[in-house]
Amino acid sequence: MKFIDSKHKGFWNKKYKEMEMLGKTDVYFKSIVYVLGICETTRDNFDKIFNLKNGEININSINESYQTNTSQKVTRMAFNLWNSCNYDSEKDIETDEISSNYNVSEIFSCIYAPYFYEGIKIRYPEYTKEQNL
Protein backbone atom coordinates (compact mmCIF):
# COMPACT_ATOMS: atom_id res chain seq x y z
CA MET A 1 0.00 0.00 0.00
CA LYS A 2 1.38 3.41 -1.00
CA PHE A 3 0.93 6.43 1.22
CA ILE A 4 1.25 10.03 0.15
CA ASP A 5 3.17 10.95 3.32
CA SER A 6 3.76 9.98 6.95
CA LYS A 7 0.55 11.74 8.08
CA HIS A 8 -1.49 9.60 5.71
CA LYS A 9 0.22 6.45 6.96
CA GLY A 10 -0.22 7.46 10.61
CA PHE A 11 -3.91 8.20 10.01
CA TRP A 12 -4.33 4.81 8.33
CA ASN A 13 -2.63 2.97 11.21
CA LYS A 14 -4.75 4.75 13.82
CA LYS A 15 -8.03 4.21 11.98
CA TYR A 16 -7.17 0.60 11.13
CA LYS A 17 -6.85 -0.15 14.85
CA GLU A 18 -10.31 1.39 15.35
CA MET A 19 -11.68 -0.69 12.46
CA GLU A 20 -10.25 -3.84 14.03
CA MET A 21 -11.83 -3.01 17.39
CA LEU A 22 -15.18 -2.48 15.64
CA GLY A 23 -14.79 -5.63 13.52
CA LYS A 24 -15.02 -3.55 10.34
CA THR A 25 -11.99 -4.40 8.24
CA ASP A 26 -13.62 -5.38 4.96
CA VAL A 27 -12.69 -3.78 1.63
CA TYR A 28 -15.41 -1.14 1.94
CA PHE A 29 -14.10 0.19 5.24
CA LYS A 30 -10.46 -0.13 4.23
CA SER A 31 -10.94 1.79 0.99
CA ILE A 32 -12.97 4.67 2.43
CA VAL A 33 -10.56 5.14 5.34
CA TYR A 34 -7.54 4.98 3.04
CA VAL A 35 -8.97 7.51 0.57
CA LEU A 36 -10.27 9.96 3.19
CA GLY A 37 -6.80 9.85 4.75
CA ILE A 38 -5.10 11.13 1.59
CA CYS A 39 -5.52 14.86 2.21
CA GLU A 40 -5.29 16.94 5.35
CA THR A 41 -8.79 18.44 4.99
CA THR A 42 -10.54 15.08 4.83
CA ARG A 43 -8.33 13.63 7.58
CA ASP A 44 -9.13 16.57 9.86
CA ASN A 45 -12.86 16.28 9.16
CA PHE A 46 -13.10 12.50 8.90
CA ASP A 47 -15.78 12.17 11.58
CA LYS A 48 -17.92 14.82 9.84
CA ILE A 49 -17.64 12.95 6.54
CA PHE A 50 -17.93 9.31 7.65
CA ASN A 51 -19.26 7.60 10.75
CA LEU A 52 -16.89 4.66 11.19
CA LYS A 53 -18.90 3.01 13.96
CA ASN A 54 -22.19 3.05 12.02
CA GLY A 55 -20.67 2.75 8.55
CA GLU A 56 -22.48 5.82 7.23
CA ILE A 57 -21.39 8.57 4.87
CA ASN A 58 -22.57 12.15 5.39
CA ILE A 59 -23.49 13.04 1.82
CA ASN A 60 -24.03 16.70 2.74
CA SER A 61 -20.41 16.99 3.90
CA ILE A 62 -19.37 17.56 0.28
CA ASN A 63 -20.87 21.05 0.47
CA GLU A 64 -19.46 22.06 3.88
CA SER A 65 -17.36 25.23 4.13
CA TYR A 66 -14.18 23.35 5.10
CA GLN A 67 -14.17 21.49 1.78
CA THR A 68 -11.85 22.65 -0.98
CA ASN A 69 -12.16 21.74 -4.65
CA THR A 70 -9.52 19.05 -4.16
CA SER A 71 -10.90 17.68 -0.89
CA GLN A 72 -14.30 17.40 -2.56
CA LYS A 73 -12.67 15.12 -5.14
CA VAL A 74 -11.22 13.01 -2.33
CA THR A 75 -14.62 12.83 -0.64
CA ARG A 76 -16.40 11.92 -3.87
CA MET A 77 -13.87 9.20 -4.62
CA ALA A 78 -14.31 7.77 -1.12
CA PHE A 79 -18.12 7.87 -1.36
CA ASN A 80 -18.05 6.24 -4.77
CA LEU A 81 -15.91 3.39 -3.43
CA TRP A 82 -18.18 3.05 -0.39
CA ASN A 83 -21.53 2.68 -2.13
CA SER A 84 -21.21 3.94 -5.72
CA CYS A 85 -22.56 7.31 -4.62
CA ASN A 86 -22.95 9.94 -7.32
CA TYR A 87 -25.03 12.56 -5.51
CA ASP A 88 -23.87 15.80 -3.90
CA SER A 89 -26.65 16.18 -1.32
CA GLU A 90 -29.66 14.55 0.27
CA LYS A 91 -31.83 16.77 -1.95
CA ASP A 92 -30.09 15.38 -5.03
CA ILE A 93 -30.90 11.85 -3.85
CA GLU A 94 -34.57 12.76 -3.45
CA THR A 95 -34.75 14.30 -6.95
CA ASP A 96 -32.36 11.73 -8.50
CA GLU A 97 -30.06 14.56 -9.61
CA ILE A 98 -26.85 12.73 -10.50
CA SER A 99 -23.73 14.89 -10.22
CA SER A 100 -21.26 15.00 -13.09
CA ASN A 101 -18.61 15.74 -10.44
CA TYR A 102 -18.29 11.96 -9.94
CA ASN A 103 -17.02 11.44 -13.49
CA VAL A 104 -13.53 9.99 -13.74
CA SER A 105 -12.40 13.08 -15.68
CA GLU A 106 -13.47 15.27 -12.76
CA ILE A 107 -12.25 13.21 -9.81
CA PHE A 108 -8.91 12.13 -11.25
CA SER A 109 -7.83 15.59 -12.41
CA CYS A 110 -5.74 16.25 -9.31
CA ILE A 111 -2.46 15.29 -7.68
CA TYR A 112 -4.11 12.50 -5.69
CA ALA A 113 -4.93 10.34 -8.74
CA PRO A 114 -2.22 7.72 -8.00
CA TYR A 115 -3.60 7.31 -4.49
CA PHE A 116 -7.16 7.08 -5.79
CA TYR A 117 -5.97 4.10 -7.80
CA GLU A 118 -4.57 2.59 -4.58
CA GLY A 119 -8.04 3.03 -3.08
CA ILE A 120 -9.53 1.21 -6.05
CA LYS A 121 -7.04 -1.64 -5.59
CA ILE A 122 -8.03 -1.89 -1.91
CA ARG A 123 -11.74 -1.93 -2.76
CA TYR A 124 -11.47 -4.31 -5.73
CA PRO A 125 -8.47 -6.59 -5.04
CA GLU A 126 -9.87 -9.40 -7.17
CA TYR A 127 -9.93 -7.19 -10.29
CA THR A 128 -6.77 -5.14 -9.87
CA LYS A 129 -4.13 -7.85 -9.62
CA GLU A 130 -1.33 -7.73 -12.17
CA GLN A 131 -1.73 -10.45 -14.79
CA ASN A 132 1.22 -12.40 -16.16
CA LEU A 133 0.34 -12.85 -19.82
C-alpha atoms as a PDB file:
ATOM      1  CA  MET A   1       0.000   0.000   0.000  1.00  0.00           C
ATOM      2  CA  LYS A   2       1.385   3.405  -1.003  1.00  0.00           C
ATOM      3  CA  PHE A   3       0.931   6.429   1.223  1.00  0.00           C
ATOM      4  CA  ILE A   4       1.255  10.033   0.146  1.00  0.00           C
ATOM      5  CA  ASP A   5       3.173  10.952   3.322  1.00  0.00           C
ATOM      6  CA  SER A   6       3.756   9.978   6.947  1.00  0.00           C
ATOM      7  CA  LYS A   7       0.550  11.737   8.078  1.00  0.00           C
ATOM      8  CA  HIS A   8      -1.492   9.598   5.706  1.00  0.00           C
ATOM      9  CA  LYS A   9       0.223   6.446   6.959  1.00  0.00           C
ATOM     10  CA  GLY A  10      -0.222   7.458  10.613  1.00  0.00           C
ATOM     11  CA  PHE A  11      -3.909   8.204  10.006  1.00  0.00           C
ATOM     12  CA  TRP A  12      -4.327   4.809   8.334  1.00  0.00           C
ATOM     13  CA  ASN A  13      -2.630   2.972  11.210  1.00  0.00           C
ATOM     14  CA  LYS A  14      -4.755   4.749  13.821  1.00  0.00           C
ATOM     15  CA  LYS A  15      -8.032   4.211  11.977  1.00  0.00           C
ATOM     16  CA  TYR A  16      -7.173   0.602  11.133  1.00  0.00           C
ATOM     17  CA  LYS A  17      -6.854  -0.145  14.853  1.00  0.00           C
ATOM     18  CA  GLU A  18     -10.309   1.392  15.347  1.00  0.00           C
ATOM     19  CA  MET A  19     -11.676  -0.695  12.464  1.00  0.00           C
ATOM     20  CA  GLU A  20     -10.245  -3.842  14.028  1.00  0.00           C
ATOM     21  CA  MET A  21     -11.833  -3.006  17.387  1.00  0.00           C
ATOM     22  CA  LEU A  22     -15.182  -2.480  15.636  1.00  0.00           C
ATOM     23  CA  GLY A  23     -14.790  -5.627  13.515  1.00  0.00           C
ATOM     24  CA  LYS A  24     -15.018  -3.550  10.335  1.00  0.00           C
ATOM     25  CA  THR A  25     -11.990  -4.398   8.237  1.00  0.00           C
ATOM     26  CA  ASP A  26     -13.618  -5.377   4.957  1.00  0.00           C
ATOM     27  CA  VAL A  27     -12.688  -3.777   1.628  1.00  0.00           C
ATOM     28  CA  TYR A  28     -15.408  -1.141   1.944  1.00  0.00           C
ATOM     29  CA  PHE A  29     -14.105   0.194   5.243  1.00  0.00           C
ATOM     30  CA  LYS A  30     -10.460  -0.126   4.228  1.00  0.00           C
ATOM     31  CA  SER A  31     -10.938   1.791   0.991  1.00  0.00           C
ATOM     32  CA  ILE A  32     -12.973   4.675   2.430  1.00  0.00           C
ATOM     33  CA  VAL A  33     -10.562   5.145   5.340  1.00  0.00           C
ATOM     34  CA  TYR A  34      -7.536   4.981   3.044  1.00  0.00           C
ATOM     35  CA  VAL A  35      -8.970   7.513   0.569  1.00  0.00           C
ATOM     36  CA  LEU A  36     -10.268   9.958   3.195  1.00  0.00           C
ATOM     37  CA  GLY A  37      -6.801   9.847   4.748  1.00  0.00           C
ATOM     38  CA  ILE A  38      -5.098  11.126   1.594  1.00  0.00           C
ATOM     39  CA  CYS A  39      -5.516  14.857   2.209  1.00  0.00           C
ATOM     40  CA  GLU A  40      -5.292  16.938   5.347  1.00  0.00           C
ATOM     41  CA  THR A  41      -8.785  18.436   4.992  1.00  0.00           C
ATOM     42  CA  THR A  42     -10.545  15.080   4.830  1.00  0.00           C
ATOM     43  CA  ARG A  43      -8.333  13.625   7.580  1.00  0.00           C
ATOM     44  CA  ASP A  44      -9.134  16.570   9.858  1.00  0.00           C
ATOM     45  CA  ASN A  45     -12.864  16.279   9.159  1.00  0.00           C
ATOM     46  CA  PHE A  46     -13.096  12.499   8.895  1.00  0.00           C
ATOM     47  CA  ASP A  47     -15.778  12.169  11.584  1.00  0.00           C
ATOM     48  CA  LYS A  48     -17.920  14.818   9.844  1.00  0.00           C
ATOM     49  CA  ILE A  49     -17.643  12.947   6.545  1.00  0.00           C
ATOM     50  CA  PHE A  50     -17.925   9.314   7.654  1.00  0.00           C
ATOM     51  CA  ASN A  51     -19.261   7.596  10.749  1.00  0.00           C
ATOM     52  CA  LEU A  52     -16.889   4.661  11.193  1.00  0.00           C
ATOM     53  CA  LYS A  53     -18.899   3.014  13.956  1.00  0.00           C
ATOM     54  CA  ASN A  54     -22.194   3.050  12.023  1.00  0.00           C
ATOM     55  CA  GLY A  55     -20.666   2.753   8.553  1.00  0.00           C
ATOM     56  CA  GLU A  56     -22.481   5.823   7.234  1.00  0.00           C
ATOM     57  CA  ILE A  57     -21.389   8.571   4.869  1.00  0.00           C
ATOM     58  CA  ASN A  58     -22.571  12.146   5.390  1.00  0.00           C
ATOM     59  CA  ILE A  59     -23.495  13.039   1.825  1.00  0.00           C
ATOM     60  CA  ASN A  60     -24.028  16.697   2.739  1.00  0.00           C
ATOM     61  CA  SER A  61     -20.412  16.988   3.899  1.00  0.00           C
ATOM     62  CA  ILE A  62     -19.367  17.556   0.281  1.00  0.00           C
ATOM     63  CA  ASN A  63     -20.865  21.053   0.472  1.00  0.00           C
ATOM     64  CA  GLU A  64     -19.457  22.059   3.882  1.00  0.00           C
ATOM     65  CA  SER A  65     -17.358  25.229   4.134  1.00  0.00           C
ATOM     66  CA  TYR A  66     -14.176  23.352   5.101  1.00  0.00           C
ATOM     67  CA  GLN A  67     -14.172  21.495   1.780  1.00  0.00           C
ATOM     68  CA  THR A  68     -11.847  22.653  -0.982  1.00  0.00           C
ATOM     69  CA  ASN A  69     -12.158  21.740  -4.653  1.00  0.00           C
ATOM     70  CA  THR A  70      -9.522  19.049  -4.161  1.00  0.00           C
ATOM     71  CA  SER A  71     -10.900  17.677  -0.887  1.00  0.00           C
ATOM     72  CA  GLN A  72     -14.304  17.401  -2.562  1.00  0.00           C
ATOM     73  CA  LYS A  73     -12.669  15.119  -5.145  1.00  0.00           C
ATOM     74  CA  VAL A  74     -11.221  13.008  -2.331  1.00  0.00           C
ATOM     75  CA  THR A  75     -14.620  12.827  -0.640  1.00  0.00           C
ATOM     76  CA  ARG A  76     -16.397  11.919  -3.870  1.00  0.00           C
ATOM     77  CA  MET A  77     -13.866   9.198  -4.615  1.00  0.00           C
ATOM     78  CA  ALA A  78     -14.311   7.766  -1.115  1.00  0.00           C
ATOM     79  CA  PHE A  79     -18.118   7.874  -1.362  1.00  0.00           C
ATOM     80  CA  ASN A  80     -18.052   6.243  -4.766  1.00  0.00           C
ATOM     81  CA  LEU A  81     -15.913   3.391  -3.430  1.00  0.00           C
ATOM     82  CA  TRP A  82     -18.176   3.054  -0.386  1.00  0.00           C
ATOM     83  CA  ASN A  83     -21.531   2.685  -2.132  1.00  0.00           C
ATOM     84  CA  SER A  84     -21.211   3.937  -5.724  1.00  0.00           C
ATOM     85  CA  CYS A  85     -22.558   7.308  -4.616  1.00  0.00           C
ATOM     86  CA  ASN A  86     -22.951   9.937  -7.318  1.00  0.00           C
ATOM     87  CA  TYR A  87     -25.034  12.559  -5.513  1.00  0.00           C
ATOM     88  CA  ASP A  88     -23.869  15.798  -3.903  1.00  0.00           C
ATOM     89  CA  SER A  89     -26.645  16.183  -1.315  1.00  0.00           C
ATOM     90  CA  GLU A  90     -29.665  14.546   0.271  1.00  0.00           C
ATOM     91  CA  LYS A  91     -31.827  16.771  -1.946  1.00  0.00           C
ATOM     92  CA  ASP A  92     -30.086  15.379  -5.030  1.00  0.00           C
ATOM     93  CA  ILE A  93     -30.902  11.854  -3.850  1.00  0.00           C
ATOM     94  CA  GLU A  94     -34.573  12.761  -3.452  1.00  0.00           C
ATOM     95  CA  THR A  95     -34.751  14.297  -6.946  1.00  0.00           C
ATOM     96  CA  ASP A  96     -32.362  11.727  -8.496  1.00  0.00           C
ATOM     97  CA  GLU A  97     -30.058  14.562  -9.614  1.00  0.00           C
ATOM     98  CA  ILE A  98     -26.849  12.733 -10.498  1.00  0.00           C
ATOM     99  CA  SER A  99     -23.733  14.885 -10.218  1.00  0.00           C
ATOM    100  CA  SER A 100     -21.256  15.000 -13.090  1.00  0.00           C
ATOM    101  CA  ASN A 101     -18.608  15.743 -10.442  1.00  0.00           C
ATOM    102  CA  TYR A 102     -18.291  11.962  -9.938  1.00  0.00           C
ATOM    103  CA  ASN A 103     -17.022  11.439 -13.493  1.00  0.00           C
ATOM    104  CA  VAL A 104     -13.531   9.995 -13.741  1.00  0.00           C
ATOM    105  CA  SER A 105     -12.401  13.082 -15.678  1.00  0.00           C
ATOM    106  CA  GLU A 106     -13.474  15.271 -12.758  1.00  0.00           C
ATOM    107  CA  ILE A 107     -12.254  13.214  -9.805  1.00  0.00           C
ATOM    108  CA  PHE A 108      -8.912  12.125 -11.245  1.00  0.00           C
ATOM    109  CA  SER A 109      -7.826  15.586 -12.414  1.00  0.00           C
ATOM    110  CA  CYS A 110      -5.735  16.250  -9.310  1.00  0.00           C
ATOM    111  CA  ILE A 111      -2.455  15.286  -7.676  1.00  0.00           C
ATOM    112  CA  TYR A 112      -4.115  12.499  -5.693  1.00  0.00           C
ATOM    113  CA  ALA A 113      -4.931  10.336  -8.744  1.00  0.00           C
ATOM    114  CA  PRO A 114      -2.218   7.717  -8.004  1.00  0.00           C
ATOM    115  CA  TYR A 115      -3.601   7.312  -4.493  1.00  0.00           C
ATOM    116  CA  PHE A 116      -7.164   7.077  -5.790  1.00  0.00           C
ATOM    117  CA  TYR A 117      -5.974   4.099  -7.800  1.00  0.00           C
ATOM    118  CA  GLU A 118      -4.570   2.594  -4.581  1.00  0.00           C
ATOM    119  CA  GLY A 119      -8.039   3.033  -3.077  1.00  0.00           C
ATOM    120  CA  ILE A 120      -9.528   1.208  -6.053  1.00  0.00           C
ATOM    121  CA  LYS A 121      -7.039  -1.641  -5.585  1.00  0.00           C
ATOM    122  CA  ILE A 122      -8.031  -1.892  -1.913  1.00  0.00           C
ATOM    123  CA  ARG A 123     -11.741  -1.926  -2.758  1.00  0.00           C
ATOM    124  CA  TYR A 124     -11.466  -4.313  -5.728  1.00  0.00           C
ATOM    125  CA  PRO A 125      -8.473  -6.589  -5.041  1.00  0.00           C
ATOM    126  CA  GLU A 126      -9.869  -9.403  -7.168  1.00  0.00           C
ATOM    127  CA  TYR A 127      -9.930  -7.188 -10.287  1.00  0.00           C
ATOM    128  CA  THR A 128      -6.766  -5.144  -9.870  1.00  0.00           C
ATOM    129  CA  LYS A 129      -4.130  -7.846  -9.621  1.00  0.00           C
ATOM    130  CA  GLU A 130      -1.332  -7.726 -12.175  1.00  0.00           C
ATOM    131  CA  GLN A 131      -1.731 -10.445 -14.788  1.00  0.00           C
ATOM    132  CA  ASN A 132       1.221 -12.399 -16.163  1.00  0.00           C
ATOM    133  CA  LEU A 133       0.343 -12.848 -19.821  1.00  0.00           C
END
